[in-house]
Amino acid sequence: MRILIIILAILITSPAIAQEFRGGLAGGVLSSQVDGDQQGGYNKASFHIGAFVQRTLSDKIDANMELRYIRKGALSNKVFEDGTYENYFRSRLNYIEIPVTALYKTGNFKLEGGFAAGALINSSLEDEYGKVDLDLDIARSEVSLILGFFYVVNEQLQVNFRIQYSLTPISKAYSDDIEKLYYSQGNWYNNLISFGLYYNIR
């Protein structure tokens, strides 16, 4: 991971390499859920922040690579009329992630498709009674699909919209453990929608 950070820093700041690569800082907001956790809805708001590099491969195609910190998970907080929780559940899943995507340029838009590899930094689960101490075997790594687009505002600023979905399960189904079955009747998959700003330094 340190090597990737060094490579990104060199690509962004080196005048010689910058003739072929463009790079800078990126950050934004997202809304996420976890499919398979018995909850529903893009209710968990969070953020992502990191750095990126892009390279022009042809008149129509660019390549994009990023290194970012991203907070995923889910939130359900239905309440009764008296203000007490009918159902409360929150999962926090924090990753270091490397998206690699291809961009198809058409006017000011760049249509985007690719994949991201993520390494789980930490995770936590809570319900209406407090921290959930069950070991749900959250996967230490994840591969996800990315689809979206960039809008080029000017030479320095791009706006990005994405949908992202796990291709590999982040937790397995439990059919033989009644306590765990309450939280997981199927495999878990991260599912999110994100909005980002990408600022070119070079």
N, C-alpha and C. Protein backbone atom coordinates (compact mmCIF):
# COMPACT_ATOMS: atom_id res chain seq x y z
N MET A 1 0.82 -1.20 0.00
CA MET A 1 0.00 0.00 0.00
C MET A 1 0.86 1.26 0.00
N ARG A 2 1.96 1.25 0.76
CA ARG A 2 2.85 2.41 0.76
C ARG A 2 3.45 2.66 -0.62
N ILE A 3 3.77 1.56 -1.31
CA ILE A 3 4.33 1.69 -2.65
C ILE A 3 3.35 2.38 -3.59
N LEU A 4 2.08 2.02 -3.49
CA LEU A 4 1.06 2.64 -4.34
C LEU A 4 0.92 4.13 -4.04
N ILE A 5 1.00 4.50 -2.76
CA ILE A 5 0.93 5.91 -2.38
C ILE A 5 2.10 6.68 -2.98
N ILE A 6 3.30 6.10 -2.92
CA ILE A 6 4.48 6.74 -3.49
C ILE A 6 4.35 6.90 -4.99
N ILE A 7 3.86 5.84 -5.67
CA ILE A 7 3.68 5.91 -7.12
C ILE A 7 2.70 7.01 -7.50
N LEU A 8 1.57 7.08 -6.79
CA LEU A 8 0.59 8.12 -7.08
C LEU A 8 1.17 9.51 -6.85
N ALA A 9 1.94 9.68 -5.78
CA ALA A 9 2.54 10.99 -5.50
C ALA A 9 3.51 11.39 -6.60
N ILE A 10 4.30 10.43 -7.11
CA ILE A 10 5.24 10.72 -8.19
C ILE A 10 4.50 11.10 -9.46
N LEU A 11 3.46 10.33 -9.80
CA LEU A 11 2.70 10.60 -11.01
C LEU A 11 2.03 11.96 -10.98
N ILE A 12 1.56 12.37 -9.80
CA ILE A 12 0.84 13.63 -9.67
C ILE A 12 1.79 14.83 -9.71
N THR A 13 2.97 14.70 -9.08
CA THR A 13 3.83 15.86 -8.87
C THR A 13 5.00 15.99 -9.83
N SER A 14 5.38 14.93 -10.51
CA SER A 14 6.55 14.98 -11.39
C SER A 14 6.23 15.73 -12.69
N PRO A 15 6.96 16.81 -13.03
CA PRO A 15 6.70 17.56 -14.25
C PRO A 15 6.90 16.72 -15.51
N ALA A 16 7.90 15.84 -15.50
CA ALA A 16 8.17 15.03 -16.69
C ALA A 16 7.05 14.04 -16.95
N ILE A 17 6.66 13.34 -15.89
CA ILE A 17 5.61 12.32 -16.05
C ILE A 17 4.26 12.98 -16.29
N ALA A 18 4.07 14.18 -15.76
CA ALA A 18 2.79 14.86 -15.90
C ALA A 18 2.45 15.18 -17.34
N GLN A 19 3.44 15.14 -18.26
CA GLN A 19 3.14 15.34 -19.66
C GLN A 19 2.26 14.22 -20.20
N GLU A 20 2.35 13.02 -19.61
CA GLU A 20 1.54 11.89 -20.03
C GLU A 20 0.39 11.63 -19.07
N PHE A 21 0.54 11.97 -17.81
CA PHE A 21 -0.46 11.69 -16.81
C PHE A 21 -1.04 12.99 -16.24
N ARG A 22 -2.31 12.96 -15.90
CA ARG A 22 -2.95 14.02 -15.13
C ARG A 22 -3.37 13.42 -13.80
N GLY A 23 -3.22 14.18 -12.74
CA GLY A 23 -3.59 13.64 -11.44
C GLY A 23 -3.91 14.72 -10.45
N GLY A 24 -4.48 14.30 -9.32
CA GLY A 24 -4.82 15.26 -8.29
C GLY A 24 -5.53 14.62 -7.13
N LEU A 25 -6.37 15.40 -6.48
CA LEU A 25 -7.09 14.97 -5.28
C LEU A 25 -8.56 14.77 -5.60
N ALA A 26 -9.17 13.83 -4.90
CA ALA A 26 -10.58 13.52 -5.12
C ALA A 26 -11.28 13.28 -3.80
N GLY A 27 -12.55 13.62 -3.75
CA GLY A 27 -13.33 13.37 -2.55
C GLY A 27 -14.80 13.56 -2.86
N GLY A 28 -15.65 13.03 -1.99
CA GLY A 28 -17.07 13.17 -2.22
C GLY A 28 -17.90 12.49 -1.17
N VAL A 29 -19.18 12.37 -1.47
CA VAL A 29 -20.14 11.78 -0.54
C VAL A 29 -20.76 10.55 -1.18
N LEU A 30 -21.35 9.70 -0.36
CA LEU A 30 -21.98 8.50 -0.87
C LEU A 30 -23.15 8.09 0.02
N SER A 31 -24.01 7.27 -0.55
CA SER A 31 -25.13 6.69 0.18
C SER A 31 -25.08 5.19 -0.05
N SER A 32 -25.10 4.40 1.02
CA SER A 32 -24.82 2.97 0.87
C SER A 32 -25.81 2.09 1.63
N GLN A 33 -25.85 0.84 1.20
CA GLN A 33 -26.57 -0.20 1.92
C GLN A 33 -25.79 -1.50 1.75
N VAL A 34 -26.18 -2.52 2.52
CA VAL A 34 -25.57 -3.84 2.41
C VAL A 34 -26.66 -4.83 2.05
N ASP A 35 -26.64 -5.35 0.84
CA ASP A 35 -27.62 -6.34 0.43
C ASP A 35 -27.37 -7.65 1.18
N GLY A 36 -28.45 -8.22 1.74
CA GLY A 36 -28.34 -9.48 2.46
C GLY A 36 -28.37 -9.35 3.97
N ASP A 37 -28.38 -8.10 4.50
CA ASP A 37 -28.35 -7.92 5.97
C ASP A 37 -29.73 -7.74 6.59
N GLN A 38 -30.78 -8.04 5.83
CA GLN A 38 -32.17 -7.95 6.30
C GLN A 38 -32.65 -6.51 6.46
N GLN A 39 -31.86 -5.54 6.06
CA GLN A 39 -32.28 -4.14 6.09
C GLN A 39 -32.57 -3.72 4.66
N GLY A 40 -32.80 -2.44 4.43
CA GLY A 40 -33.08 -1.98 3.08
C GLY A 40 -32.99 -0.47 2.96
N GLY A 41 -32.56 0.00 1.80
CA GLY A 41 -32.50 1.42 1.53
C GLY A 41 -31.10 1.99 1.62
N TYR A 42 -30.82 2.98 0.77
CA TYR A 42 -29.52 3.67 0.79
C TYR A 42 -29.54 4.72 1.90
N ASN A 43 -29.55 4.26 3.14
CA ASN A 43 -29.78 5.17 4.27
C ASN A 43 -28.51 5.65 4.95
N LYS A 44 -27.38 4.99 4.69
CA LYS A 44 -26.15 5.37 5.38
C LYS A 44 -25.35 6.36 4.54
N ALA A 45 -25.30 7.60 4.99
CA ALA A 45 -24.52 8.63 4.30
C ALA A 45 -23.09 8.62 4.82
N SER A 46 -22.13 8.77 3.92
CA SER A 46 -20.73 8.77 4.33
C SER A 46 -19.90 9.50 3.28
N PHE A 47 -18.58 9.19 3.23
CA PHE A 47 -17.70 9.94 2.34
C PHE A 47 -16.57 9.06 1.83
N HIS A 48 -15.88 9.58 0.80
CA HIS A 48 -14.63 8.98 0.32
C HIS A 48 -13.65 10.11 0.03
N ILE A 49 -12.35 9.81 0.17
CA ILE A 49 -11.32 10.82 -0.08
C ILE A 49 -10.04 10.12 -0.51
N GLY A 50 -9.32 10.74 -1.46
CA GLY A 50 -8.08 10.11 -1.92
C GLY A 50 -7.41 10.90 -3.03
N ALA A 51 -6.67 10.17 -3.87
CA ALA A 51 -5.94 10.77 -4.98
C ALA A 51 -6.17 9.93 -6.23
N PHE A 52 -5.94 10.54 -7.40
CA PHE A 52 -6.19 9.83 -8.66
C PHE A 52 -5.15 10.23 -9.71
N VAL A 53 -5.01 9.37 -10.71
CA VAL A 53 -4.25 9.69 -11.92
C VAL A 53 -5.06 9.23 -13.12
N GLN A 54 -4.96 9.99 -14.21
CA GLN A 54 -5.61 9.63 -15.47
C GLN A 54 -4.60 9.78 -16.60
N ARG A 55 -4.74 8.91 -17.59
CA ARG A 55 -3.87 8.98 -18.76
C ARG A 55 -4.70 8.83 -20.02
N THR A 56 -4.40 9.65 -21.02
CA THR A 56 -5.06 9.55 -22.31
C THR A 56 -4.45 8.41 -23.11
N LEU A 57 -5.29 7.46 -23.52
CA LEU A 57 -4.83 6.32 -24.31
C LEU A 57 -5.10 6.53 -25.80
N SER A 58 -6.17 7.28 -26.12
CA SER A 58 -6.50 7.59 -27.51
C SER A 58 -7.42 8.80 -27.51
N ASP A 59 -7.89 9.18 -28.69
CA ASP A 59 -8.79 10.33 -28.78
C ASP A 59 -10.07 10.11 -27.98
N LYS A 60 -10.47 8.86 -27.80
CA LYS A 60 -11.74 8.57 -27.14
C LYS A 60 -11.60 7.88 -25.78
N ILE A 61 -10.42 7.34 -25.47
CA ILE A 61 -10.27 6.51 -24.28
C ILE A 61 -9.24 7.09 -23.32
N ASP A 62 -9.62 7.20 -22.04
CA ASP A 62 -8.71 7.51 -20.95
C ASP A 62 -8.69 6.34 -19.96
N ALA A 63 -7.59 6.22 -19.21
CA ALA A 63 -7.50 5.27 -18.10
C ALA A 63 -7.47 6.05 -16.80
N ASN A 64 -8.10 5.50 -15.77
CA ASN A 64 -8.19 6.17 -14.47
C ASN A 64 -7.82 5.19 -13.36
N MET A 65 -6.96 5.64 -12.42
CA MET A 65 -6.62 4.83 -11.25
C MET A 65 -6.66 5.72 -10.01
N GLU A 66 -7.14 5.17 -8.90
CA GLU A 66 -7.28 5.94 -7.67
C GLU A 66 -6.77 5.15 -6.47
N LEU A 67 -6.45 5.87 -5.44
CA LEU A 67 -6.20 5.29 -4.13
C LEU A 67 -7.00 6.11 -3.15
N ARG A 68 -7.94 5.48 -2.43
CA ARG A 68 -8.84 6.27 -1.59
C ARG A 68 -9.27 5.52 -0.34
N TYR A 69 -9.67 6.32 0.63
CA TYR A 69 -10.31 5.82 1.85
C TYR A 69 -11.81 5.99 1.67
N ILE A 70 -12.58 4.93 1.92
CA ILE A 70 -14.01 4.98 1.71
C ILE A 70 -14.74 4.27 2.85
N ARG A 71 -15.83 4.87 3.30
CA ARG A 71 -16.62 4.32 4.40
C ARG A 71 -17.95 3.80 3.85
N LYS A 72 -18.11 2.49 3.94
CA LYS A 72 -19.33 1.84 3.45
C LYS A 72 -20.14 1.32 4.64
N GLY A 73 -21.22 0.60 4.35
CA GLY A 73 -22.04 0.03 5.42
C GLY A 73 -23.51 0.26 5.18
N ALA A 74 -24.30 0.13 6.25
CA ALA A 74 -25.75 0.24 6.15
C ALA A 74 -26.32 0.85 7.42
N LEU A 75 -27.53 1.39 7.30
CA LEU A 75 -28.22 1.98 8.45
C LEU A 75 -29.71 1.76 8.31
N SER A 76 -30.35 1.26 9.38
CA SER A 76 -31.80 1.16 9.48
C SER A 76 -32.19 1.71 10.84
N ASN A 77 -33.05 2.71 10.87
CA ASN A 77 -33.41 3.34 12.15
C ASN A 77 -34.89 3.69 12.21
N LYS A 78 -35.74 2.69 11.94
CA LYS A 78 -37.18 2.88 12.03
C LYS A 78 -37.58 3.09 13.50
N VAL A 79 -38.48 4.03 13.75
CA VAL A 79 -38.89 4.33 15.12
C VAL A 79 -40.41 4.26 15.26
N PHE A 80 -40.85 3.96 16.50
CA PHE A 80 -42.27 4.03 16.83
C PHE A 80 -42.67 5.49 17.05
N GLU A 81 -43.97 5.73 17.20
CA GLU A 81 -44.47 7.10 17.41
C GLU A 81 -43.94 7.71 18.70
N ASP A 82 -43.64 6.87 19.71
CA ASP A 82 -43.14 7.41 20.98
C ASP A 82 -41.64 7.70 20.95
N GLY A 83 -41.01 7.49 19.79
CA GLY A 83 -39.60 7.81 19.65
C GLY A 83 -38.65 6.66 19.92
N THR A 84 -39.15 5.53 20.41
CA THR A 84 -38.29 4.36 20.63
C THR A 84 -38.08 3.62 19.31
N TYR A 85 -36.99 2.87 19.25
CA TYR A 85 -36.64 2.19 18.01
C TYR A 85 -37.49 0.94 17.79
N GLU A 86 -38.13 0.89 16.64
CA GLU A 86 -38.76 -0.35 16.18
C GLU A 86 -37.68 -1.30 15.67
N ASN A 87 -36.74 -0.72 14.95
CA ASN A 87 -35.63 -1.49 14.42
C ASN A 87 -34.44 -0.56 14.19
N TYR A 88 -33.31 -0.88 14.78
CA TYR A 88 -32.10 -0.09 14.57
C TYR A 88 -30.96 -1.03 14.27
N PHE A 89 -30.25 -0.75 13.19
CA PHE A 89 -29.08 -1.54 12.85
C PHE A 89 -28.13 -0.67 12.05
N ARG A 90 -26.86 -0.67 12.42
CA ARG A 90 -25.84 0.09 11.69
C ARG A 90 -24.60 -0.78 11.52
N SER A 91 -24.13 -0.84 10.29
CA SER A 91 -22.84 -1.50 10.02
C SER A 91 -21.89 -0.45 9.48
N ARG A 92 -20.68 -0.43 10.02
CA ARG A 92 -19.62 0.47 9.55
C ARG A 92 -18.50 -0.39 8.96
N LEU A 93 -18.20 -0.16 7.68
CA LEU A 93 -17.20 -0.94 6.97
C LEU A 93 -16.26 0.03 6.28
N ASN A 94 -15.04 0.15 6.78
CA ASN A 94 -14.10 1.16 6.30
C ASN A 94 -12.98 0.49 5.50
N TYR A 95 -12.73 1.00 4.29
CA TYR A 95 -11.80 0.36 3.36
C TYR A 95 -10.74 1.34 2.85
N ILE A 96 -9.58 0.79 2.50
CA ILE A 96 -8.66 1.42 1.56
C ILE A 96 -8.92 0.74 0.23
N GLU A 97 -9.14 1.54 -0.81
CA GLU A 97 -9.64 0.99 -2.06
C GLU A 97 -8.86 1.53 -3.26
N ILE A 98 -8.69 0.67 -4.27
CA ILE A 98 -8.00 1.06 -5.49
C ILE A 98 -8.94 0.83 -6.68
N PRO A 99 -9.66 1.86 -7.13
CA PRO A 99 -10.46 1.73 -8.34
C PRO A 99 -9.59 1.88 -9.59
N VAL A 100 -9.84 1.04 -10.58
CA VAL A 100 -9.19 1.14 -11.89
C VAL A 100 -10.30 1.08 -12.93
N THR A 101 -10.44 2.16 -13.72
CA THR A 101 -11.55 2.23 -14.67
C THR A 101 -11.08 2.74 -16.03
N ALA A 102 -11.87 2.41 -17.05
CA ALA A 102 -11.68 2.94 -18.40
C ALA A 102 -12.74 4.01 -18.65
N LEU A 103 -12.34 5.08 -19.33
CA LEU A 103 -13.24 6.21 -19.57
C LEU A 103 -13.40 6.41 -21.08
N TYR A 104 -14.66 6.46 -21.53
CA TYR A 104 -14.95 6.73 -22.94
C TYR A 104 -15.43 8.17 -23.06
N LYS A 105 -14.70 8.97 -23.83
CA LYS A 105 -14.97 10.41 -23.90
C LYS A 105 -15.96 10.73 -25.01
N THR A 106 -16.97 11.53 -24.64
CA THR A 106 -17.94 12.03 -25.60
C THR A 106 -18.36 13.43 -25.17
N GLY A 107 -17.89 14.43 -25.87
CA GLY A 107 -18.12 15.80 -25.44
C GLY A 107 -17.46 16.08 -24.10
N ASN A 108 -18.22 16.67 -23.18
CA ASN A 108 -17.70 16.95 -21.83
C ASN A 108 -17.88 15.77 -20.88
N PHE A 109 -18.43 14.68 -21.37
CA PHE A 109 -18.67 13.50 -20.53
C PHE A 109 -17.62 12.43 -20.79
N LYS A 110 -17.34 11.65 -19.72
CA LYS A 110 -16.50 10.47 -19.83
C LYS A 110 -17.28 9.31 -19.19
N LEU A 111 -17.78 8.41 -20.02
CA LEU A 111 -18.49 7.25 -19.51
C LEU A 111 -17.49 6.29 -18.89
N GLU A 112 -17.84 5.74 -17.72
CA GLU A 112 -16.85 5.01 -16.91
C GLU A 112 -17.31 3.59 -16.60
N GLY A 113 -16.35 2.67 -16.68
CA GLY A 113 -16.59 1.29 -16.27
C GLY A 113 -15.29 0.65 -15.80
N GLY A 114 -15.38 -0.18 -14.76
CA GLY A 114 -14.17 -0.83 -14.26
C GLY A 114 -14.40 -1.55 -12.96
N PHE A 115 -13.33 -1.72 -12.22
CA PHE A 115 -13.37 -2.51 -10.99
C PHE A 115 -12.59 -1.80 -9.88
N ALA A 116 -12.88 -2.21 -8.64
CA ALA A 116 -12.14 -1.70 -7.50
C ALA A 116 -11.77 -2.86 -6.59
N ALA A 117 -10.54 -2.82 -6.07
CA ALA A 117 -10.09 -3.78 -5.06
C ALA A 117 -9.99 -3.04 -3.73
N GLY A 118 -10.61 -3.60 -2.70
CA GLY A 118 -10.62 -2.94 -1.41
C GLY A 118 -10.07 -3.83 -0.31
N ALA A 119 -9.38 -3.21 0.65
CA ALA A 119 -8.88 -3.90 1.84
C ALA A 119 -9.58 -3.32 3.06
N LEU A 120 -10.24 -4.16 3.83
CA LEU A 120 -10.99 -3.71 5.01
C LEU A 120 -10.02 -3.26 6.10
N ILE A 121 -10.22 -2.04 6.59
CA ILE A 121 -9.41 -1.52 7.69
C ILE A 121 -10.02 -1.93 9.02
N ASN A 122 -11.31 -1.65 9.19
CA ASN A 122 -12.02 -2.03 10.41
C ASN A 122 -13.51 -2.07 10.13
N SER A 123 -14.25 -2.69 11.05
CA SER A 123 -15.70 -2.80 10.91
C SER A 123 -16.35 -2.87 12.28
N SER A 124 -17.62 -2.48 12.32
CA SER A 124 -18.39 -2.59 13.56
C SER A 124 -19.87 -2.71 13.23
N LEU A 125 -20.60 -3.37 14.12
CA LEU A 125 -22.04 -3.56 13.97
C LEU A 125 -22.73 -3.11 15.24
N GLU A 126 -23.87 -2.44 15.11
CA GLU A 126 -24.66 -2.01 16.26
C GLU A 126 -26.14 -2.28 15.99
N ASP A 127 -26.88 -2.62 17.06
CA ASP A 127 -28.33 -2.66 16.96
C ASP A 127 -28.92 -1.83 18.09
N GLU A 128 -30.23 -1.94 18.32
CA GLU A 128 -30.87 -1.09 19.33
C GLU A 128 -30.38 -1.36 20.75
N TYR A 129 -29.66 -2.47 20.95
CA TYR A 129 -29.14 -2.80 22.28
C TYR A 129 -27.67 -2.45 22.44
N GLY A 130 -27.05 -1.93 21.39
CA GLY A 130 -25.63 -1.57 21.47
C GLY A 130 -24.80 -2.36 20.48
N LYS A 131 -23.52 -2.50 20.79
CA LYS A 131 -22.59 -3.17 19.89
C LYS A 131 -22.95 -4.64 19.75
N VAL A 132 -22.90 -5.13 18.50
CA VAL A 132 -23.13 -6.55 18.22
C VAL A 132 -21.80 -7.26 18.29
N ASP A 133 -21.66 -8.19 19.22
CA ASP A 133 -20.37 -8.86 19.42
C ASP A 133 -20.21 -10.13 18.59
N LEU A 134 -21.23 -10.49 17.81
CA LEU A 134 -21.12 -11.69 16.99
C LEU A 134 -20.03 -11.54 15.94
N ASP A 135 -19.30 -12.60 15.70
CA ASP A 135 -18.30 -12.61 14.64
C ASP A 135 -18.98 -13.07 13.35
N LEU A 136 -19.28 -12.11 12.48
CA LEU A 136 -19.93 -12.43 11.20
C LEU A 136 -18.93 -12.62 10.07
N ASP A 137 -17.66 -12.74 10.42
CA ASP A 137 -16.62 -13.07 9.44
C ASP A 137 -16.63 -12.11 8.25
N ILE A 138 -16.56 -10.81 8.53
CA ILE A 138 -16.49 -9.82 7.46
C ILE A 138 -15.20 -10.05 6.68
N ALA A 139 -15.31 -10.16 5.36
CA ALA A 139 -14.15 -10.45 4.52
C ALA A 139 -13.13 -9.33 4.61
N ARG A 140 -11.85 -9.70 4.61
CA ARG A 140 -10.77 -8.70 4.70
C ARG A 140 -10.51 -8.02 3.37
N SER A 141 -11.06 -8.53 2.29
CA SER A 141 -10.85 -7.91 0.97
C SER A 141 -12.16 -7.98 0.18
N GLU A 142 -12.23 -7.14 -0.83
CA GLU A 142 -13.44 -7.05 -1.64
C GLU A 142 -13.07 -6.64 -3.06
N VAL A 143 -13.78 -7.21 -4.04
CA VAL A 143 -13.69 -6.76 -5.43
C VAL A 143 -15.08 -6.28 -5.84
N SER A 144 -15.15 -5.09 -6.43
CA SER A 144 -16.45 -4.52 -6.78
C SER A 144 -16.45 -3.98 -8.20
N LEU A 145 -17.65 -3.92 -8.76
CA LEU A 145 -17.87 -3.38 -10.11
C LEU A 145 -18.22 -1.90 -10.01
N ILE A 146 -17.69 -1.09 -10.91
CA ILE A 146 -17.97 0.35 -10.96
C ILE A 146 -18.54 0.72 -12.33
N LEU A 147 -19.65 1.46 -12.31
CA LEU A 147 -20.23 2.05 -13.52
C LEU A 147 -20.59 3.49 -13.21
N GLY A 148 -20.35 4.40 -14.16
CA GLY A 148 -20.69 5.79 -13.89
C GLY A 148 -20.23 6.70 -15.00
N PHE A 149 -20.00 7.98 -14.65
CA PHE A 149 -19.51 8.94 -15.63
C PHE A 149 -18.83 10.11 -14.93
N PHE A 150 -17.92 10.74 -15.65
CA PHE A 150 -17.34 12.02 -15.27
C PHE A 150 -17.95 13.11 -16.14
N TYR A 151 -18.10 14.30 -15.56
CA TYR A 151 -18.41 15.50 -16.34
C TYR A 151 -17.25 16.47 -16.16
N VAL A 152 -16.64 16.86 -17.28
CA VAL A 152 -15.49 17.76 -17.23
C VAL A 152 -15.99 19.20 -17.18
N VAL A 153 -15.80 19.85 -16.01
CA VAL A 153 -16.23 21.23 -15.83
C VAL A 153 -15.25 22.18 -16.51
N ASN A 154 -13.97 21.96 -16.25
CA ASN A 154 -12.90 22.72 -16.90
C ASN A 154 -11.62 21.89 -16.81
N GLU A 155 -10.47 22.49 -17.14
CA GLU A 155 -9.22 21.73 -17.17
C GLU A 155 -8.82 21.20 -15.79
N GLN A 156 -9.30 21.83 -14.74
CA GLN A 156 -8.89 21.44 -13.40
C GLN A 156 -9.93 20.63 -12.64
N LEU A 157 -11.20 20.73 -13.02
CA LEU A 157 -12.26 20.14 -12.20
C LEU A 157 -13.13 19.18 -13.00
N GLN A 158 -13.35 17.99 -12.40
CA GLN A 158 -14.28 17.01 -12.96
C GLN A 158 -15.26 16.58 -11.87
N VAL A 159 -16.49 16.33 -12.27
CA VAL A 159 -17.52 15.83 -11.37
C VAL A 159 -17.79 14.37 -11.74
N ASN A 160 -17.95 13.52 -10.73
CA ASN A 160 -18.13 12.09 -10.97
C ASN A 160 -19.38 11.57 -10.28
N PHE A 161 -20.11 10.69 -10.97
CA PHE A 161 -21.24 9.96 -10.39
C PHE A 161 -21.02 8.48 -10.65
N ARG A 162 -21.23 7.65 -9.60
CA ARG A 162 -20.98 6.21 -9.73
C ARG A 162 -22.03 5.38 -9.01
N ILE A 163 -22.23 4.17 -9.54
CA ILE A 163 -22.82 3.10 -8.76
C ILE A 163 -21.73 2.03 -8.61
N GLN A 164 -21.73 1.37 -7.44
CA GLN A 164 -20.67 0.39 -7.15
C GLN A 164 -21.28 -0.78 -6.39
N TYR A 165 -20.92 -1.99 -6.80
CA TYR A 165 -21.53 -3.19 -6.19
C TYR A 165 -20.49 -4.29 -6.04
N SER A 166 -20.50 -4.95 -4.89
CA SER A 166 -19.54 -6.03 -4.62
C SER A 166 -19.75 -7.19 -5.58
N LEU A 167 -18.67 -7.67 -6.17
CA LEU A 167 -18.69 -8.90 -6.96
C LEU A 167 -18.39 -10.11 -6.10
N THR A 168 -17.70 -9.87 -4.97
CA THR A 168 -17.40 -10.94 -4.02
C THR A 168 -18.16 -10.66 -2.72
N PRO A 169 -18.72 -11.68 -2.07
CA PRO A 169 -19.47 -11.43 -0.83
C PRO A 169 -18.56 -10.93 0.28
N ILE A 170 -19.06 -9.99 1.08
CA ILE A 170 -18.27 -9.47 2.19
C ILE A 170 -18.58 -10.21 3.50
N SER A 171 -19.66 -11.01 3.50
CA SER A 171 -19.96 -11.90 4.62
C SER A 171 -20.85 -13.01 4.09
N LYS A 172 -20.71 -14.20 4.64
CA LYS A 172 -21.44 -15.34 4.12
C LYS A 172 -22.78 -15.51 4.84
N ALA A 173 -23.65 -16.36 4.25
CA ALA A 173 -24.94 -16.67 4.86
C ALA A 173 -24.75 -17.66 6.02
N TYR A 174 -25.60 -17.53 7.04
CA TYR A 174 -25.56 -18.44 8.18
C TYR A 174 -26.90 -19.17 8.26
N SER A 175 -26.86 -20.47 7.98
CA SER A 175 -28.08 -21.26 8.02
C SER A 175 -28.15 -22.18 9.23
N ASP A 176 -27.05 -22.26 9.98
CA ASP A 176 -26.98 -23.20 11.10
C ASP A 176 -26.76 -22.51 12.44
N ASP A 177 -26.90 -21.19 12.48
CA ASP A 177 -26.70 -20.44 13.71
C ASP A 177 -27.84 -19.45 13.85
N ILE A 178 -28.78 -19.75 14.76
CA ILE A 178 -30.00 -18.95 14.90
C ILE A 178 -29.67 -17.50 15.23
N GLU A 179 -28.68 -17.28 16.11
CA GLU A 179 -28.34 -15.93 16.52
C GLU A 179 -27.80 -15.12 15.36
N LYS A 180 -26.91 -15.71 14.57
CA LYS A 180 -26.34 -15.02 13.42
C LYS A 180 -27.35 -14.91 12.28
N LEU A 181 -28.27 -15.88 12.18
CA LEU A 181 -29.26 -15.89 11.12
C LEU A 181 -30.15 -14.65 11.17
N TYR A 182 -30.32 -14.08 12.38
CA TYR A 182 -31.12 -12.86 12.55
C TYR A 182 -30.55 -11.72 11.72
N TYR A 183 -29.23 -11.68 11.57
CA TYR A 183 -28.57 -10.60 10.84
C TYR A 183 -28.25 -10.98 9.40
N SER A 184 -28.11 -12.24 9.11
CA SER A 184 -27.61 -12.64 7.79
C SER A 184 -28.27 -13.92 7.33
N GLN A 185 -29.28 -13.78 6.42
CA GLN A 185 -29.91 -14.95 5.81
C GLN A 185 -29.37 -15.22 4.41
N GLY A 186 -28.46 -14.38 3.98
CA GLY A 186 -27.82 -14.55 2.68
C GLY A 186 -26.46 -13.88 2.69
N ASN A 187 -25.70 -14.07 1.64
CA ASN A 187 -24.41 -13.39 1.55
C ASN A 187 -24.59 -11.88 1.57
N TRP A 188 -23.64 -11.17 2.14
CA TRP A 188 -23.66 -9.70 2.17
C TRP A 188 -22.88 -9.15 0.98
N TYR A 189 -23.41 -8.05 0.40
CA TYR A 189 -22.75 -7.34 -0.69
C TYR A 189 -22.88 -5.83 -0.48
N ASN A 190 -21.76 -5.12 -0.57
CA ASN A 190 -21.82 -3.67 -0.53
C ASN A 190 -22.51 -3.13 -1.78
N ASN A 191 -23.37 -2.14 -1.59
CA ASN A 191 -24.14 -1.54 -2.68
C ASN A 191 -24.20 -0.04 -2.42
N LEU A 192 -23.65 0.77 -3.31
CA LEU A 192 -23.59 2.20 -3.01
C LEU A 192 -23.70 3.06 -4.26
N ILE A 193 -24.11 4.31 -4.01
CA ILE A 193 -24.16 5.37 -5.01
C ILE A 193 -23.28 6.50 -4.50
N SER A 194 -22.42 7.05 -5.35
CA SER A 194 -21.49 8.08 -4.88
C SER A 194 -21.42 9.27 -5.83
N PHE A 195 -21.03 10.40 -5.26
CA PHE A 195 -20.82 11.65 -6.00
C PHE A 195 -19.46 12.18 -5.57
N GLY A 196 -18.65 12.60 -6.55
CA GLY A 196 -17.30 13.06 -6.20
C GLY A 196 -16.83 14.24 -7.03
N LEU A 197 -15.88 14.98 -6.47
CA LEU A 197 -15.20 16.07 -7.15
C LEU A 197 -13.73 15.68 -7.33
N TYR A 198 -13.21 15.84 -8.53
CA TYR A 198 -11.83 15.48 -8.85
C TYR A 198 -11.11 16.74 -9.31
N TYR A 199 -10.08 17.11 -8.56
CA TYR A 199 -9.36 18.37 -8.83
C TYR A 199 -7.97 18.03 -9.35
N ASN A 200 -7.68 18.45 -10.59
CA ASN A 200 -6.38 18.19 -11.21
C ASN A 200 -5.31 19.12 -10.64
N ILE A 201 -4.25 18.53 -10.12
CA ILE A 201 -3.08 19.31 -9.70
C ILE A 201 -2.13 19.46 -10.89
N ARG A 202 -2.04 18.41 -11.70
CA ARG A 202 -1.18 18.42 -12.90
C ARG A 202 -2.04 18.18 -14.13
